[in-house]
């Protein structure tokens, strides 16, 4: 990105220099012509040409300056957003680690084996028993048996109750008190 900005900046400077060189050439031509009157068509044309070149050079310089200022503001906003995103990710990571530890603690409280805990976590993530079997390189029958063990030891009726047990209160609207719901 910086390379492109530098290239654009150089191109702009080259264009301004070329226009100013043309302007100087116009002034030199006017002086060398040594007109006898200032109100001749030739003099008016040369002066208008020189002023047009000067105006174009000024316009290019101002436009470049404004573009640079806009680019700096945009970079600042982007840096602010990146910083904000990094802070949010850090907070979310801490919360997720805490949630993961609490989920694991609850599964240990239910007496789930490591294999059953792994299956339960994949169920929470939304995987089907077939996908879990493929992922864990187990038979689908083994995964179904482990799912049954998870539901039996936890006292929950199935996948929906398992998910609700851990996730129901995570997505409440701000300000809602879960204890006040009937």
Protein backbone atom coordinates (compact mmCIF):
# COMPACT_ATOMS: atom_id res chain seq x y z
CA UNK A 1 0.00 0.00 0.00
CA UNK A 2 2.78 2.42 0.91
CA UNK A 3 4.56 1.65 -2.39
CA UNK A 4 1.44 2.59 -4.36
CA UNK A 5 1.02 5.79 -2.32
CA UNK A 6 4.65 6.71 -3.00
CA UNK A 7 4.21 6.01 -6.71
CA UNK A 8 1.06 8.15 -6.85
CA UNK A 9 2.87 10.92 -4.99
CA UNK A 10 5.80 10.79 -7.40
CA UNK A 11 3.49 10.78 -10.41
CA UNK A 12 1.68 13.80 -9.05
CA UNK A 13 4.96 15.66 -8.52
CA UNK A 14 6.11 14.78 -12.05
CA UNK A 15 2.84 16.07 -13.51
CA UNK A 16 3.09 19.29 -11.51
CA UNK A 17 6.72 19.75 -12.62
CA UNK A 18 5.78 19.16 -16.26
CA UNK A 19 2.93 21.65 -16.11
CA UNK A 20 5.16 24.23 -14.42
CA UNK A 21 7.83 23.62 -17.11
CA UNK A 22 5.21 24.24 -19.81
CA UNK A 23 4.18 27.39 -17.94
CA UNK A 24 7.78 28.61 -17.77
CA UNK A 25 8.14 27.83 -21.48
CA UNK A 26 5.07 29.98 -22.15
CA UNK A 27 6.53 32.85 -20.13
CA UNK A 28 9.88 32.56 -21.95
CA UNK A 29 8.08 32.48 -25.32
CA UNK A 30 6.11 35.59 -24.36
CA UNK A 31 9.26 37.45 -23.27
CA UNK A 32 11.23 36.38 -26.37
CA UNK A 33 8.40 37.51 -28.65
CA UNK A 34 8.81 40.98 -27.15
CA UNK A 35 5.28 42.09 -28.00
CA UNK A 36 4.76 45.78 -28.72
CA UNK A 37 1.29 45.85 -27.19
CA UNK A 38 -0.16 43.93 -24.26
CA UNK A 39 -3.64 43.70 -25.76
CA UNK A 40 -2.78 41.59 -28.77
CA UNK A 41 -4.37 38.15 -29.25
CA UNK A 42 -0.97 36.48 -28.95
CA UNK A 43 -0.20 38.09 -25.57
CA UNK A 44 -3.68 37.39 -24.17
CA UNK A 45 -3.47 33.78 -25.36
CA UNK A 46 0.01 33.27 -23.83
CA UNK A 47 -1.03 34.86 -20.50
CA UNK A 48 -4.20 32.73 -20.39
CA UNK A 49 -2.11 29.64 -21.18
CA UNK A 50 0.38 30.48 -18.40
CA UNK A 51 -2.46 31.11 -15.92
CA UNK A 52 -4.15 27.86 -16.93
CA UNK A 53 -0.91 25.96 -16.31
CA UNK A 54 -0.43 27.68 -12.96
CA UNK A 55 -4.04 26.94 -11.94
CA UNK A 56 -3.70 23.29 -12.97
CA UNK A 57 -0.48 22.89 -11.00
CA UNK A 58 -2.09 24.49 -7.93
CA UNK A 59 -5.17 22.29 -8.33
CA UNK A 60 -3.07 19.12 -8.56
CA UNK A 61 -1.02 20.11 -5.53
CA UNK A 62 -4.14 20.92 -3.44
CA UNK A 63 -5.93 17.74 -4.55
CA UNK A 64 -2.88 15.68 -3.62
CA UNK A 65 -2.63 17.41 -0.28
CA UNK A 66 -6.31 16.78 0.46
CA UNK A 67 -5.97 13.15 -0.64
CA UNK A 68 -3.00 12.70 1.67
CA UNK A 69 -4.93 14.22 4.58
CA UNK A 70 -7.91 11.99 3.84
CA UNK A 71 -5.65 8.96 3.63
CA UNK A 72 -4.09 9.83 7.00
CA UNK A 73 -7.54 10.19 8.59
CA UNK A 74 -8.62 6.86 7.11
CA UNK A 75 -5.47 5.17 8.39
CA UNK A 76 -6.11 6.58 11.86
CA UNK A 77 -9.70 5.30 11.84
CA UNK A 78 -8.47 1.90 10.66
CA UNK A 79 -5.84 1.78 13.40
CA UNK A 80 -8.51 2.69 15.98
CA UNK A 81 -10.81 -0.05 14.67
CA UNK A 82 -7.97 -2.60 14.62
CA UNK A 83 -7.12 -1.69 18.20
CA UNK A 84 -10.77 -1.97 19.21
CA UNK A 85 -11.05 -5.34 17.44
CA UNK A 86 -7.90 -6.62 19.17
CA UNK A 87 -9.31 -5.60 22.57
CA UNK A 88 -12.65 -7.26 21.78
CA UNK A 89 -10.92 -10.46 20.66
CA UNK A 90 -8.85 -10.50 23.83
CA UNK A 91 -11.94 -10.05 26.04
CA UNK A 92 -13.87 -12.66 24.04
CA UNK A 93 -10.96 -15.09 24.25
CA UNK A 94 -10.82 -14.73 28.04
CA UNK A 95 -14.58 -15.27 28.28
CA UNK A 96 -14.48 -18.28 25.97
CA UNK A 97 -11.64 -19.81 27.94
CA UNK A 98 -13.66 -19.34 31.12
CA UNK A 99 -16.76 -20.78 29.46
CA UNK A 100 -14.75 -23.75 28.17
CA UNK A 101 -13.39 -24.41 31.66
CA UNK A 102 -16.88 -24.23 33.16
CA UNK A 103 -18.32 -26.57 30.54
CA UNK A 104 -15.50 -29.03 31.17
CA UNK A 105 -16.02 -28.75 34.95
CA UNK A 106 -19.74 -29.48 34.58
CA UNK A 107 -19.03 -32.48 32.35
CA UNK A 108 -16.56 -33.80 34.94
CA UNK A 109 -19.21 -33.27 37.61
CA UNK A 110 -21.54 -35.50 35.59
CA UNK A 111 -18.77 -38.10 35.53
CA UNK A 112 -18.23 -38.12 31.77
CA UNK A 113 -15.14 -39.90 30.47
CA UNK A 114 -12.66 -37.94 28.32
CA UNK A 115 -14.12 -39.57 25.19
CA UNK A 116 -17.67 -38.70 26.25
CA UNK A 117 -16.64 -35.11 27.02
CA UNK A 118 -15.11 -34.84 23.55
CA UNK A 119 -18.30 -36.17 21.93
CA UNK A 120 -20.43 -33.82 24.07
CA UNK A 121 -18.34 -30.82 22.98
CA UNK A 122 -18.75 -31.77 19.33
CA UNK A 123 -22.50 -32.12 19.90
CA UNK A 124 -22.51 -28.61 21.38
CA UNK A 125 -20.72 -27.37 18.28
CA UNK A 126 -23.55 -28.76 16.15
CA UNK A 127 -21.89 -31.79 14.58
CA UNK A 128 -24.04 -34.78 13.66
CA UNK A 129 -23.19 -38.23 15.01
CA UNK A 130 -21.95 -39.20 11.56
CA UNK A 131 -19.68 -36.11 11.39
CA UNK A 132 -18.41 -36.80 14.92
CA UNK A 133 -17.63 -40.40 13.99
CA UNK A 134 -15.71 -39.28 10.93
CA UNK A 135 -13.88 -36.56 12.86
CA UNK A 136 -12.88 -38.90 15.70
CA UNK A 137 -12.26 -41.86 13.42
CA UNK A 138 -14.80 -43.98 15.32
CA UNK A 139 -17.81 -45.95 14.23
CA UNK A 140 -21.12 -44.14 14.20
CA UNK A 141 -22.48 -46.80 16.59
CA UNK A 142 -19.74 -46.02 19.13
CA UNK A 143 -20.51 -42.30 18.90
CA UNK A 144 -24.26 -42.96 19.38
CA UNK A 145 -23.46 -45.05 22.48
CA UNK A 146 -21.28 -42.26 23.85
CA UNK A 147 -24.08 -39.73 23.14
CA UNK A 148 -26.52 -41.94 25.08
CA UNK A 149 -24.05 -42.13 27.96
CA UNK A 150 -23.70 -38.32 27.94
CA UNK A 151 -27.48 -37.85 28.08
CA UNK A 152 -27.94 -40.53 30.75
CA UNK A 153 -25.16 -39.26 33.07
CA UNK A 154 -26.18 -35.62 32.64
CA UNK A 155 -29.87 -36.36 33.12
CA UNK A 156 -30.69 -34.50 29.92
CA UNK A 157 -33.13 -35.70 27.29
CA UNK A 158 -31.01 -35.18 24.20
CA UNK A 159 -28.95 -32.83 22.07
CA UNK A 160 -31.35 -29.87 22.41
CA UNK A 161 -31.38 -30.08 26.20
CA UNK A 162 -27.59 -30.45 26.27
CA UNK A 163 -27.18 -27.33 24.15
CA UNK A 164 -29.77 -25.42 26.15
CA UNK A 165 -28.09 -26.41 29.43
CA UNK A 166 -24.88 -24.65 28.44
CA UNK A 167 -25.94 -22.03 25.93
CA UNK A 168 -29.46 -20.85 26.80
CA UNK A 169 -28.38 -17.86 28.88
CA UNK A 170 -25.52 -16.78 26.60
CA UNK A 171 -27.63 -15.01 24.00
CA UNK A 172 -30.02 -12.98 26.14
CA UNK A 173 -30.68 -9.39 25.09
CA UNK A 174 -28.72 -6.85 27.12
CA UNK A 175 -30.52 -5.92 30.32
CA UNK A 176 -32.59 -9.12 30.58
CA UNK A 177 -32.31 -10.91 33.87
CA UNK A 178 -32.49 -14.68 33.33
CA UNK A 179 -33.74 -15.21 36.91
CA UNK A 180 -36.83 -13.05 36.22
CA UNK A 181 -38.01 -15.21 33.29
CA UNK A 182 -40.75 -17.72 33.96
